[in-house]
Amino acid sequence: MKPGDCINIPANVKHWHGACKDSWFSHLAIEVKGTDTKNVWLEPVSDEEYNKLK
């Protein structure tokens, strides 16, 4: 992701977001009310997996 990017994740789509160990990450999330809508996160990554991210 780059500054100014807009990412749309539909309701009930399993996803993950985060930063690499040598970078920062911040975001603004907007949630729209509806029926059968929820945020679904992927499982946490291990320290070994995280340290491989670039």
PDB file of N, CA and C in Angstrom:
ATOM      1  N   MET A   1       0.844  -1.175   0.000  1.00  0.00           N
ATOM      2  CA  MET A   1       0.000   0.000   0.000  1.00  0.00           C
ATOM      3  C   MET A   1       0.887   1.236   0.000  1.00  0.00           C
ATOM      4  N   LYS A   2       0.418   2.244  -0.685  1.00  0.00           N
ATOM      5  CA  LYS A   2       1.134   3.512  -0.774  1.00  0.00           C
ATOM      6  C   LYS A   2       0.213   4.634  -0.271  1.00  0.00           C
ATOM      7  N   PRO A   3       0.792   5.762   0.191  1.00  0.00           N
ATOM      8  CA  PRO A   3      -0.047   6.872   0.653  1.00  0.00           C
ATOM      9  C   PRO A   3      -1.104   7.244  -0.387  1.00  0.00           C
ATOM     10  N   GLY A   4      -2.323   7.401   0.067  1.00  0.00           N
ATOM     11  CA  GLY A   4      -3.424   7.779  -0.813  1.00  0.00           C
ATOM     12  C   GLY A   4      -4.193   6.614  -1.402  1.00  0.00           C
ATOM     13  N   ASP A   5      -3.671   5.391  -1.280  1.00  0.00           N
ATOM     14  CA  ASP A   5      -4.391   4.226  -1.806  1.00  0.00           C
ATOM     15  C   ASP A   5      -5.707   4.042  -1.059  1.00  0.00           C
ATOM     16  N   CYS A   6      -6.712   3.598  -1.761  1.00  0.00           N
ATOM     17  CA  CYS A   6      -8.013   3.297  -1.174  1.00  0.00           C
ATOM     18  C   CYS A   6      -8.297   1.816  -1.440  1.00  0.00           C
ATOM     19  N   ILE A   7      -8.459   1.056  -0.376  1.00  0.00           N
ATOM     20  CA  ILE A   7      -8.682  -0.380  -0.494  1.00  0.00           C
ATOM     21  C   ILE A   7     -10.090  -0.689   0.015  1.00  0.00           C
ATOM     22  N   ASN A   8     -10.862  -1.402  -0.763  1.00  0.00           N
ATOM     23  CA  ASN A   8     -12.211  -1.800  -0.358  1.00  0.00           C
ATOM     24  C   ASN A   8     -12.203  -3.302  -0.088  1.00  0.00           C
ATOM     25  N   ILE A   9     -12.541  -3.666   1.146  1.00  0.00           N
ATOM     26  CA  ILE A   9     -12.648  -5.083   1.493  1.00  0.00           C
ATOM     27  C   ILE A   9     -14.120  -5.356   1.795  1.00  0.00           C
ATOM     28  N   PRO A  10     -14.788  -6.118   0.944  1.00  0.00           N
ATOM     29  CA  PRO A  10     -16.203  -6.400   1.159  1.00  0.00           C
ATOM     30  C   PRO A  10     -16.437  -7.116   2.500  1.00  0.00           C
ATOM     31  N   ALA A  11     -17.628  -6.978   3.017  1.00  0.00           N
ATOM     32  CA  ALA A  11     -18.004  -7.645   4.268  1.00  0.00           C
ATOM     33  C   ALA A  11     -17.810  -9.149   4.146  1.00  0.00           C
ATOM     34  N   ASN A  12     -17.415  -9.764   5.257  1.00  0.00           N
ATOM     35  CA  ASN A  12     -17.268 -11.216   5.370  1.00  0.00           C
ATOM     36  C   ASN A  12     -16.119 -11.799   4.549  1.00  0.00           C
ATOM     37  N   VAL A  13     -15.189 -10.964   4.080  1.00  0.00           N
ATOM     38  CA  VAL A  13     -14.023 -11.453   3.354  1.00  0.00           C
ATOM     39  C   VAL A  13     -12.868 -11.544   4.347  1.00  0.00           C
ATOM     40  N   LYS A  14     -12.313 -12.732   4.513  1.00  0.00           N
ATOM     41  CA  LYS A  14     -11.222 -12.956   5.446  1.00  0.00           C
ATOM     42  C   LYS A  14      -9.976 -12.249   4.913  1.00  0.00           C
ATOM     43  N   HIS A  15      -9.345 -11.433   5.757  1.00  0.00           N
ATOM     44  CA  HIS A  15      -8.180 -10.683   5.302  1.00  0.00           C
ATOM     45  C   HIS A  15      -7.225 -10.374   6.454  1.00  0.00           C
ATOM     46  N   TRP A  16      -6.050  -9.925   6.089  1.00  0.00           N
ATOM     47  CA  TRP A  16      -5.015  -9.572   7.047  1.00  0.00           C
ATOM     48  C   TRP A  16      -4.402  -8.259   6.606  1.00  0.00           C
ATOM     49  N   HIS A  17      -4.017  -7.449   7.536  1.00  0.00           N
ATOM     50  CA  HIS A  17      -3.240  -6.269   7.171  1.00  0.00           C
ATOM     51  C   HIS A  17      -2.215  -6.004   8.248  1.00  0.00           C
ATOM     52  N   GLY A  18      -1.134  -5.426   7.834  1.00  0.00           N
ATOM     53  CA  GLY A  18      -0.070  -5.142   8.778  1.00  0.00           C
ATOM     54  C   GLY A  18       1.129  -4.586   8.055  1.00  0.00           C
ATOM     55  N   ALA A  19       2.157  -4.353   8.804  1.00  0.00           N
ATOM     56  CA  ALA A  19       3.364  -3.777   8.237  1.00  0.00           C
ATOM     57  C   ALA A  19       4.526  -4.730   8.426  1.00  0.00           C
ATOM     58  N   CYS A  20       5.565  -4.517   7.654  1.00  0.00           N
ATOM     59  CA  CYS A  20       6.806  -5.262   7.854  1.00  0.00           C
ATOM     60  C   CYS A  20       7.498  -4.729   9.097  1.00  0.00           C
ATOM     61  N   LYS A  21       8.447  -5.479   9.614  1.00  0.00           N
ATOM     62  CA  LYS A  21       9.075  -5.108  10.875  1.00  0.00           C
ATOM     63  C   LYS A  21       9.826  -3.781  10.800  1.00  0.00           C
ATOM     64  N   ASP A  22      10.282  -3.377   9.629  1.00  0.00           N
ATOM     65  CA  ASP A  22      11.028  -2.127   9.493  1.00  0.00           C
ATOM     66  C   ASP A  22      10.204  -1.000   8.880  1.00  0.00           C
ATOM     67  N   SER A  23       8.881  -1.093   8.930  1.00  0.00           N
ATOM     68  CA  SER A  23       8.025  -0.035   8.384  1.00  0.00           C
ATOM     69  C   SER A  23       6.843   0.183   9.314  1.00  0.00           C
ATOM     70  N   TRP A  24       6.169   1.294   9.142  1.00  0.00           N
ATOM     71  CA  TRP A  24       4.998   1.585   9.957  1.00  0.00           C
ATOM     72  C   TRP A  24       3.756   1.429   9.091  1.00  0.00           C
ATOM     73  N   PHE A  25       2.639   1.343   9.741  1.00  0.00           N
ATOM     74  CA  PHE A  25       1.376   1.159   9.034  1.00  0.00           C
ATOM     75  C   PHE A  25       0.281   1.846   9.831  1.00  0.00           C
ATOM     76  N   SER A  26      -0.495   2.675   9.191  1.00  0.00           N
ATOM     77  CA  SER A  26      -1.682   3.250   9.823  1.00  0.00           C
ATOM     78  C   SER A  26      -2.777   3.306   8.771  1.00  0.00           C
ATOM     79  N   HIS A  27      -4.017   3.295   9.231  1.00  0.00           N
ATOM     80  CA  HIS A  27      -5.115   3.334   8.275  1.00  0.00           C
ATOM     81  C   HIS A  27      -6.351   3.932   8.924  1.00  0.00           C
ATOM     82  N   LEU A  28      -7.255   4.333   8.082  1.00  0.00           N
ATOM     83  CA  LEU A  28      -8.556   4.832   8.494  1.00  0.00           C
ATOM     84  C   LEU A  28      -9.579   3.854   7.947  1.00  0.00           C
ATOM     85  N   ALA A  29     -10.369   3.266   8.827  1.00  0.00           N
ATOM     86  CA  ALA A  29     -11.375   2.291   8.403  1.00  0.00           C
ATOM     87  C   ALA A  29     -12.765   2.894   8.549  1.00  0.00           C
ATOM     88  N   ILE A  30     -13.582   2.700   7.551  1.00  0.00           N
ATOM     89  CA  ILE A  30     -14.971   3.169   7.574  1.00  0.00           C
ATOM     90  C   ILE A  30     -15.861   1.942   7.456  1.00  0.00           C
ATOM     91  N   GLU A  31     -16.753   1.802   8.408  1.00  0.00           N
ATOM     92  CA  GLU A  31     -17.646   0.653   8.437  1.00  0.00           C
ATOM     93  C   GLU A  31     -19.063   1.127   8.120  1.00  0.00           C
ATOM     94  N   VAL A  32     -19.725   0.416   7.219  1.00  0.00           N
ATOM     95  CA  VAL A  32     -21.084   0.765   6.816  1.00  0.00           C
ATOM     96  C   VAL A  32     -22.042  -0.241   7.443  1.00  0.00           C
ATOM     97  N   LYS A  33     -23.061   0.271   8.131  1.00  0.00           N
ATOM     98  CA  LYS A  33     -24.048  -0.617   8.754  1.00  0.00           C
ATOM     99  C   LYS A  33     -24.786  -1.422   7.702  1.00  0.00           C
ATOM    100  N   GLY A  34     -25.164  -2.629   8.089  1.00  0.00           N
ATOM    101  CA  GLY A  34     -25.910  -3.491   7.189  1.00  0.00           C
ATOM    102  C   GLY A  34     -26.276  -4.770   7.905  1.00  0.00           C
ATOM    103  N   THR A  35     -26.819  -5.705   7.166  1.00  0.00           N
ATOM    104  CA  THR A  35     -27.159  -6.997   7.754  1.00  0.00           C
ATOM    105  C   THR A  35     -26.133  -8.020   7.303  1.00  0.00           C
ATOM    106  N   ASP A  36     -25.828  -8.964   8.171  1.00  0.00           N
ATOM    107  CA  ASP A  36     -24.854 -10.016   7.893  1.00  0.00           C
ATOM    108  C   ASP A  36     -23.509  -9.443   7.444  1.00  0.00           C
ATOM    109  N   THR A  37     -23.048  -8.426   8.152  1.00  0.00           N
ATOM    110  CA  THR A  37     -21.740  -7.842   7.846  1.00  0.00           C
ATOM    111  C   THR A  37     -20.832  -8.003   9.050  1.00  0.00           C
ATOM    112  N   LYS A  38     -19.616  -8.412   8.788  1.00  0.00           N
ATOM    113  CA  LYS A  38     -18.641  -8.520   9.866  1.00  0.00           C
ATOM    114  C   LYS A  38     -17.243  -8.463   9.277  1.00  0.00           C
ATOM    115  N   ASN A  39     -16.291  -8.160  10.141  1.00  0.00           N
ATOM    116  CA  ASN A  39     -14.896  -8.117   9.778  1.00  0.00           C
ATOM    117  C   ASN A  39     -14.289  -9.472  10.129  1.00  0.00           C
ATOM    118  N   VAL A  40     -13.594 -10.107   9.194  1.00  0.00           N
ATOM    119  CA  VAL A  40     -13.034 -11.435   9.429  1.00  0.00           C
ATOM    120  C   VAL A  40     -11.528 -11.360   9.204  1.00  0.00           C
ATOM    121  N   TRP A  41     -10.767 -11.602  10.284  1.00  0.00           N
ATOM    122  CA  TRP A  41      -9.308 -11.512  10.207  1.00  0.00           C
ATOM    123  C   TRP A  41      -8.681 -12.872   9.969  1.00  0.00           C
ATOM    124  N   LEU A  42      -7.566 -12.871   9.239  1.00  0.00           N
ATOM    125  CA  LEU A  42      -6.760 -14.087   9.115  1.00  0.00           C
ATOM    126  C   LEU A  42      -6.073 -14.367  10.443  1.00  0.00           C
ATOM    127  N   GLU A  43      -5.538 -15.550  10.578  1.00  0.00           N
ATOM    128  CA  GLU A  43      -4.867 -15.959  11.799  1.00  0.00           C
ATOM    129  C   GLU A  43      -3.580 -15.152  11.985  1.00  0.00           C
ATOM    130  N   PRO A  44      -3.141 -14.971  13.232  1.00  0.00           N
ATOM    131  CA  PRO A  44      -1.867 -14.281  13.470  1.00  0.00           C
ATOM    132  C   PRO A  44      -0.712 -15.048  12.809  1.00  0.00           C
ATOM    133  N   VAL A  45       0.326 -14.315  12.421  1.00  0.00           N
ATOM    134  CA  VAL A  45       1.512 -14.957  11.857  1.00  0.00           C
ATOM    135  C   VAL A  45       2.532 -15.192  12.969  1.00  0.00           C
ATOM    136  N   SER A  46       3.379 -16.174  12.768  1.00  0.00           N
ATOM    137  CA  SER A  46       4.429 -16.457  13.755  1.00  0.00           C
ATOM    138  C   SER A  46       5.529 -15.400  13.621  1.00  0.00           C
ATOM    139  N   ASP A  47       6.390 -15.312  14.623  1.00  0.00           N
ATOM    140  CA  ASP A  47       7.526 -14.389  14.550  1.00  0.00           C
ATOM    141  C   ASP A  47       8.411 -14.728  13.356  1.00  0.00           C
ATOM    142  N   GLU A  48       8.578 -16.017  13.085  1.00  0.00           N
ATOM    143  CA  GLU A  48       9.398 -16.447  11.945  1.00  0.00           C
ATOM    144  C   GLU A  48       8.796 -15.949  10.626  1.00  0.00           C
ATOM    145  N   GLU A  49       7.484 -16.106  10.450  1.00  0.00           N
ATOM    146  CA  GLU A  49       6.823 -15.628   9.231  1.00  0.00           C
ATOM    147  C   GLU A  49       6.919 -14.105   9.124  1.00  0.00           C
ATOM    148  N   TYR A  50       6.692 -13.417  10.235  1.00  0.00           N
ATOM    149  CA  TYR A  50       6.735 -11.960  10.255  1.00  0.00           C
ATOM    150  C   TYR A  50       8.125 -11.444   9.861  1.00  0.00           C
ATOM    151  N   ASN A  51       9.163 -12.071  10.363  1.00  0.00           N
ATOM    152  CA  ASN A  51      10.528 -11.634  10.091  1.00  0.00           C
ATOM    153  C   ASN A  51      10.944 -11.856   8.642  1.00  0.00           C
ATOM    154  N   LYS A  52      10.215 -12.696   7.907  1.00  0.00           N
ATOM    155  CA  LYS A  52      10.491 -12.922   6.480  1.00  0.00           C
ATOM    156  C   LYS A  52       9.882 -11.839   5.605  1.00  0.00           C
ATOM    157  N   LEU A  53       8.913 -11.071   6.126  1.00  0.00           N
ATOM    158  CA  LEU A  53       8.218 -10.065   5.315  1.00  0.00           C
ATOM    159  C   LEU A  53       9.168  -8.940   4.912  1.00  0.00           C
ATOM    160  N   LYS A  54       8.991  -8.468   3.690  1.00  0.00           N
ATOM    161  CA  LYS A  54       9.813  -7.361   3.182  1.00  0.00           C
ATOM    162  C   LYS A  54       8.945  -6.245   2.703  1.00  0.00           C
TER     163      LYS A  54
END
